[in-house]
Amino acid sequence: MDIDYLRKWIGRTERAFDEIGPTPPAVLAAALDRQEPRLTDGDALPLLRHWLYFPAVTRRSELDPDGHPRRGGFLPPVPLQRRLFAGAKLKFNLPIRIGDNVERTSRVMDIAAKTGRSGDPLLFVRLQREYRNQSGMTVVEDHDIVYRDRPVPGEPAAIVRMAPDEHDWADEMKVDPVLLFQYSALTFNQHRIHYDRTYATTEEGYPGLMVHAPLVATLLVDSLRDHLPARRLHTLEFRAVGPLFDNEPFLVCGQRRSVGEARLWAQKMDGSLAMDALAVFG
């Protein structure tokens, strides 16, 4: 990788606009099998549903083989084959409401090369996205994308982190190919690892269809508001630790750490950690 060339993408900016309608959150509620009230003009959008808007509209002829838009536009032309959502930190200032016209400004903040635990090259791209409606700044989101090579035979297994032993709640989740397809369609996420099993297993070497990191984060936040409905979330920071796939259930868990914080996580049924998150209440 020519890291100096790739770092020329730092500072690139992209703007998008969308009108916040009631249909996407209603469709997601149905996909998640949640009983949610139908939203009307002026109602606050449930947290993390802003990911259902601003689709990256790209002509099919301009897609890479993995389904993503061709590299080298807004995002740098990273030569590593795998692309994953590594984590994010979100600050919720004002609610986004049904009927709002929202502007999203995306900016490449940093590009850094690192070495993985097994010695493989990694490239991290940090993005910042700011969402504004007529009342001002609503959500500020910093998130990391990680690029890495596909696995090779004999490569050391990734180090497994175990989830906490104690929790205040643990909800079992079963994610099937239908839900992964629905979430991909709702977010216009064309990455084939989430819906094309042949591609995911033969081209990228995964054991099944991978669950979207934003979907796991959404399940964590929904579980939080189910168990602590009176608390207002001010910031959320989450990190993908290990992948989840459609061929096994998993748990979304939470633990109150103090009056103002809760730790959230997703874990596999063997106790290994898949996502770690910190929720801070306002």
Protein backbone atom coordinates (compact mmCIF):
# COMPACT_ATOMS: atom_id res chain seq x y z
CA MET A 1 0.00 0.00 0.00
CA ASP A 2 1.14 3.52 -0.78
CA ILE A 3 -0.03 5.05 2.49
CA ASP A 4 1.13 8.55 1.51
CA TYR A 5 -1.04 8.40 -1.60
CA LEU A 6 -4.04 7.08 0.31
CA ARG A 7 -3.70 9.82 2.94
CA LYS A 8 -4.38 12.39 0.22
CA TRP A 9 -8.04 11.46 0.75
CA ILE A 10 -7.97 13.04 4.24
CA GLY A 11 -10.24 16.06 4.23
CA ARG A 12 -12.49 14.93 1.39
CA THR A 13 -16.08 15.96 2.03
CA GLU A 14 -19.40 14.69 0.75
CA ARG A 15 -22.87 16.14 1.37
CA ALA A 16 -26.23 14.44 1.12
CA PHE A 17 -29.81 15.47 1.84
CA ASP A 18 -32.86 13.41 2.77
CA GLU A 19 -36.39 13.91 4.00
CA ILE A 20 -37.17 11.82 7.07
CA GLY A 21 -40.28 9.82 6.27
CA PRO A 22 -42.16 7.33 8.49
CA THR A 23 -41.85 4.24 6.29
CA PRO A 24 -38.21 3.12 6.89
CA PRO A 25 -38.52 2.88 10.71
CA ALA A 26 -41.88 1.11 10.36
CA VAL A 27 -40.36 -1.43 7.97
CA LEU A 28 -37.38 -2.00 10.28
CA ALA A 29 -39.70 -2.52 13.26
CA ALA A 30 -41.53 -5.18 11.25
CA ALA A 31 -38.24 -6.82 10.21
CA LEU A 32 -37.12 -6.92 13.85
CA ASP A 33 -40.56 -8.20 14.92
CA ARG A 34 -40.99 -5.24 17.29
CA GLN A 35 -44.31 -3.69 18.24
CA GLU A 36 -43.65 -0.01 17.57
CA PRO A 37 -46.16 2.86 17.21
CA ARG A 38 -46.56 4.25 13.71
CA LEU A 39 -44.66 7.53 13.57
CA THR A 40 -46.21 10.70 12.17
CA ASP A 41 -44.92 14.20 11.43
CA GLY A 42 -43.08 15.67 14.40
CA ASP A 43 -42.43 12.36 16.16
CA ALA A 44 -38.83 11.70 17.17
CA LEU A 45 -36.99 9.07 15.17
CA PRO A 46 -35.84 6.14 17.37
CA LEU A 47 -32.10 6.17 17.90
CA LEU A 48 -29.87 4.78 15.13
CA ARG A 49 -32.72 4.87 12.61
CA HIS A 50 -30.88 7.73 10.86
CA TRP A 51 -28.85 4.91 9.24
CA LEU A 52 -31.96 4.05 7.22
CA TYR A 53 -31.69 7.25 5.18
CA PHE A 54 -29.13 8.83 2.79
CA PRO A 55 -28.67 5.77 0.54
CA ALA A 56 -25.38 5.66 -1.37
CA VAL A 57 -26.96 5.66 -4.82
CA THR A 58 -24.42 4.13 -7.21
CA ARG A 59 -24.98 2.74 -10.68
CA ARG A 60 -24.50 -1.03 -10.82
CA SER A 61 -21.73 -0.64 -13.41
CA GLU A 62 -19.77 1.39 -10.84
CA LEU A 63 -19.73 -1.28 -8.12
CA ASP A 64 -16.73 -3.35 -7.06
CA PRO A 65 -17.03 -7.18 -7.01
CA ASP A 66 -17.87 -7.09 -3.27
CA GLY A 67 -20.93 -4.93 -3.98
CA HIS A 68 -19.54 -1.68 -2.58
CA PRO A 69 -19.17 1.44 -4.72
CA ARG A 70 -15.88 1.41 -6.61
CA ARG A 71 -13.02 2.68 -4.47
CA GLY A 72 -11.26 5.89 -5.27
CA GLY A 73 -14.20 8.28 -5.10
CA PHE A 74 -15.08 9.65 -1.69
CA LEU A 75 -13.22 6.76 -0.02
CA PRO A 76 -9.60 5.95 -0.91
CA PRO A 77 -8.68 3.11 -3.33
CA VAL A 78 -7.46 0.71 -0.64
CA PRO A 79 -5.99 -2.47 -2.24
CA LEU A 80 -6.87 -4.75 0.71
CA GLN A 81 -9.84 -6.97 -0.12
CA ARG A 82 -11.94 -7.09 3.04
CA ARG A 83 -13.86 -4.05 4.27
CA LEU A 84 -15.59 -4.03 7.67
CA PHE A 85 -17.33 -1.53 9.96
CA ALA A 86 -14.99 -1.48 12.97
CA GLY A 87 -16.90 0.76 15.37
CA ALA A 88 -18.30 4.21 16.02
CA LYS A 89 -18.92 6.93 18.57
CA LEU A 90 -22.17 8.87 18.33
CA LYS A 91 -23.33 11.98 20.16
CA PHE A 92 -27.06 12.65 20.19
CA ASN A 93 -27.72 16.39 20.51
CA LEU A 94 -31.23 16.96 19.18
CA PRO A 95 -33.82 14.46 17.99
CA ILE A 96 -34.35 13.88 14.29
CA ARG A 97 -38.09 14.03 13.63
CA ILE A 98 -40.41 12.68 11.00
CA GLY A 99 -40.84 15.36 8.36
CA ASP A 100 -37.40 16.91 8.90
CA ASN A 101 -35.19 17.79 5.97
CA VAL A 102 -31.75 16.69 7.11
CA GLU A 103 -28.32 17.46 5.68
CA ARG A 104 -25.53 14.96 6.25
CA THR A 105 -21.92 16.09 5.87
CA SER A 106 -19.35 13.30 5.66
CA ARG A 107 -15.63 13.94 5.98
CA VAL A 108 -12.54 11.71 5.86
CA MET A 109 -10.75 12.53 9.12
CA ASP A 110 -7.80 10.13 9.18
CA ILE A 111 -6.20 7.19 7.37
CA ALA A 112 -3.74 5.00 9.24
CA ALA A 113 -1.91 1.75 8.50
CA LYS A 114 -1.52 -0.77 11.33
CA THR A 115 -0.51 -4.38 11.82
CA GLY A 116 -2.96 -6.99 13.05
CA ARG A 117 -2.33 -9.53 15.82
CA SER A 118 -1.27 -12.13 13.27
CA GLY A 119 1.03 -9.69 11.47
CA ASP A 120 -1.35 -8.93 8.61
CA PRO A 121 -1.61 -5.36 7.30
CA LEU A 122 -4.65 -3.30 8.28
CA LEU A 123 -5.82 0.08 7.11
CA PHE A 124 -8.20 2.20 9.18
CA VAL A 125 -10.24 5.00 7.64
CA ARG A 126 -11.98 7.31 10.11
CA LEU A 127 -15.05 9.20 8.95
CA GLN A 128 -17.06 11.90 10.66
CA ARG A 129 -20.69 12.46 9.79
CA GLU A 130 -22.70 15.43 10.99
CA TYR A 131 -26.49 15.51 10.68
CA ARG A 132 -28.35 18.84 10.75
CA ASN A 133 -32.03 19.67 10.60
CA GLN A 134 -33.79 23.04 10.79
CA SER A 135 -33.10 23.22 14.54
CA GLY A 136 -29.35 22.61 14.28
CA MET A 137 -26.94 19.75 14.86
CA THR A 138 -28.73 16.52 15.68
CA VAL A 139 -26.20 13.67 15.56
CA VAL A 140 -22.41 13.68 15.31
CA GLU A 141 -20.95 10.32 14.37
CA ASP A 142 -17.34 9.24 14.10
CA HIS A 143 -16.85 5.77 12.71
CA ASP A 144 -13.98 3.58 11.63
CA ILE A 145 -13.78 1.36 8.57
CA VAL A 146 -11.07 -1.32 8.61
CA TYR A 147 -9.61 -2.94 5.50
CA ARG A 148 -7.65 -6.20 5.60
CA ASP A 149 -6.55 -9.02 3.31
CA ARG A 150 -8.49 -12.23 2.91
CA PRO A 151 -7.25 -15.11 5.09
CA VAL A 152 -4.56 -17.48 3.86
CA PRO A 153 -4.13 -21.17 4.80
CA GLY A 154 -2.25 -21.61 8.07
CA GLU A 155 -2.95 -18.08 9.29
CA PRO A 156 -3.11 -17.91 13.13
CA ALA A 157 -6.62 -17.75 14.56
CA ALA A 158 -7.74 -14.41 15.93
CA ILE A 159 -7.46 -13.91 19.68
CA VAL A 160 -10.84 -14.45 21.35
CA ARG A 161 -12.05 -12.07 24.06
CA MET A 162 -14.63 -13.32 26.51
CA ALA A 163 -17.73 -11.36 27.49
CA PRO A 164 -18.33 -10.20 31.10
CA ASP A 165 -19.59 -12.85 33.50
CA GLU A 166 -22.35 -10.70 35.02
CA HIS A 167 -25.16 -8.78 33.38
CA ASP A 168 -28.45 -7.13 34.32
CA TRP A 169 -30.20 -8.42 31.20
CA ALA A 170 -29.48 -10.74 28.30
CA ASP A 171 -31.79 -11.07 25.30
CA GLU A 172 -31.33 -13.89 22.81
CA MET A 173 -31.27 -12.89 19.14
CA LYS A 174 -31.71 -15.07 16.08
CA VAL A 175 -30.70 -13.35 12.86
CA ASP A 176 -31.66 -15.19 9.69
CA PRO A 177 -30.93 -14.51 6.00
CA VAL A 178 -34.30 -12.77 5.57
CA LEU A 179 -33.49 -10.16 8.23
CA LEU A 180 -30.00 -9.64 6.80
CA PHE A 181 -31.50 -9.11 3.35
CA GLN A 182 -34.13 -6.72 4.75
CA TYR A 183 -31.55 -4.66 6.65
CA SER A 184 -29.25 -4.56 3.63
CA ALA A 185 -32.14 -3.32 1.49
CA LEU A 186 -33.32 -0.75 4.04
CA THR A 187 -29.83 0.75 4.41
CA PHE A 188 -28.97 0.21 0.72
CA ASN A 189 -25.93 -1.75 1.90
CA GLN A 190 -24.78 -3.71 -1.14
CA HIS A 191 -21.89 -5.54 0.58
CA ARG A 192 -22.37 -9.14 -0.53
CA ILE A 193 -21.10 -10.72 2.71
CA HIS A 194 -24.51 -9.94 4.24
CA TYR A 195 -26.81 -11.60 1.67
CA ASP A 196 -24.78 -13.66 -0.84
CA ARG A 197 -23.78 -16.87 0.95
CA THR A 198 -21.72 -18.23 -1.94
CA TYR A 199 -19.68 -15.04 -2.15
CA ALA A 200 -19.28 -14.78 1.63
CA THR A 201 -18.04 -18.35 2.06
CA THR A 202 -16.03 -18.96 -1.12
CA GLU A 203 -14.64 -15.50 -1.91
CA GLU A 204 -14.10 -14.05 1.57
CA GLY A 205 -13.81 -17.27 3.57
CA TYR A 206 -16.52 -16.63 6.16
CA PRO A 207 -18.52 -19.50 7.71
CA GLY A 208 -21.85 -17.88 6.84
CA LEU A 209 -23.57 -14.57 6.20
CA MET A 210 -22.13 -11.85 8.41
CA VAL A 211 -24.44 -9.77 10.61
CA HIS A 212 -24.04 -6.03 9.95
CA ALA A 213 -22.23 -4.21 12.77
CA PRO A 214 -24.80 -1.35 12.65
CA LEU A 215 -27.59 -3.92 13.00
CA VAL A 216 -25.91 -5.37 16.11
CA ALA A 217 -25.54 -1.84 17.53
CA THR A 218 -29.24 -1.21 16.80
CA LEU A 219 -30.18 -4.39 18.67
CA LEU A 220 -28.07 -3.25 21.64
CA VAL A 221 -29.75 0.17 21.76
CA ASP A 222 -33.24 -1.31 21.34
CA SER A 223 -32.53 -3.70 24.20
CA LEU A 224 -31.30 -0.76 26.30
CA ARG A 225 -34.51 1.23 25.77
CA ASP A 226 -36.58 -1.89 26.52
CA HIS A 227 -34.87 -2.38 29.87
CA LEU A 228 -34.17 1.26 30.81
CA PRO A 229 -36.97 3.14 29.03
CA ALA A 230 -36.72 6.28 31.15
CA ARG A 231 -33.08 7.00 30.36
CA ARG A 232 -32.08 9.43 27.60
CA LEU A 233 -29.01 8.32 25.66
CA HIS A 234 -26.45 11.07 25.18
CA THR A 235 -23.50 9.20 23.66
CA LEU A 236 -22.91 5.69 22.41
CA GLU A 237 -19.52 4.21 21.64
CA PHE A 238 -19.21 0.69 20.25
CA ARG A 239 -16.47 -1.51 18.87
CA ALA A 240 -16.84 -4.68 16.81
CA VAL A 241 -14.63 -7.30 18.50
CA GLY A 242 -15.56 -10.47 16.61
CA PRO A 243 -17.95 -11.31 13.77
CA LEU A 244 -21.45 -12.73 14.14
CA PHE A 245 -23.07 -14.95 11.53
CA ASP A 246 -26.55 -16.07 10.60
CA ASN A 247 -25.96 -19.72 11.52
CA GLU A 248 -25.89 -19.23 15.29
CA PRO A 249 -27.94 -17.23 17.83
CA PHE A 250 -26.29 -14.69 20.10
CA LEU A 251 -27.07 -12.59 23.19
CA VAL A 252 -27.34 -8.82 23.55
CA CYS A 253 -26.54 -7.91 27.15
CA GLY A 254 -26.42 -4.90 29.41
CA GLN A 255 -25.08 -3.96 32.81
CA ARG A 256 -25.67 -0.74 34.74
CA ARG A 257 -22.28 0.70 35.66
CA SER A 258 -23.47 3.85 37.43
CA VAL A 259 -26.40 6.26 37.38
CA GLY A 260 -25.04 7.77 34.18
CA GLU A 261 -23.61 4.79 32.28
CA ALA A 262 -24.38 1.30 31.10
CA ARG A 263 -22.14 -1.23 29.42
CA LEU A 264 -23.68 -3.06 26.50
CA TRP A 265 -22.31 -6.00 24.58
CA ALA A 266 -23.14 -8.79 22.16
CA GLN A 267 -21.77 -12.25 22.79
CA LYS A 268 -21.80 -15.60 21.10
CA MET A 269 -23.38 -18.54 22.89
CA ASP A 270 -19.91 -19.80 23.84
CA GLY A 271 -19.35 -16.58 25.81
CA SER A 272 -16.97 -14.90 23.36
CA LEU A 273 -17.37 -11.17 22.87
CA ALA A 274 -18.62 -9.88 19.51
CA MET A 275 -19.35 -6.20 20.21
CA ASP A 276 -18.54 -3.98 23.20
CA ALA A 277 -20.32 -0.68 23.83
CA LEU A 278 -20.63 2.11 26.38
CA ALA A 279 -23.86 4.08 26.72
CA VAL A 280 -23.76 7.44 28.54
CA PHE A 281 -27.02 9.03 29.60
CA GLY A 282 -27.78 12.73 29.40
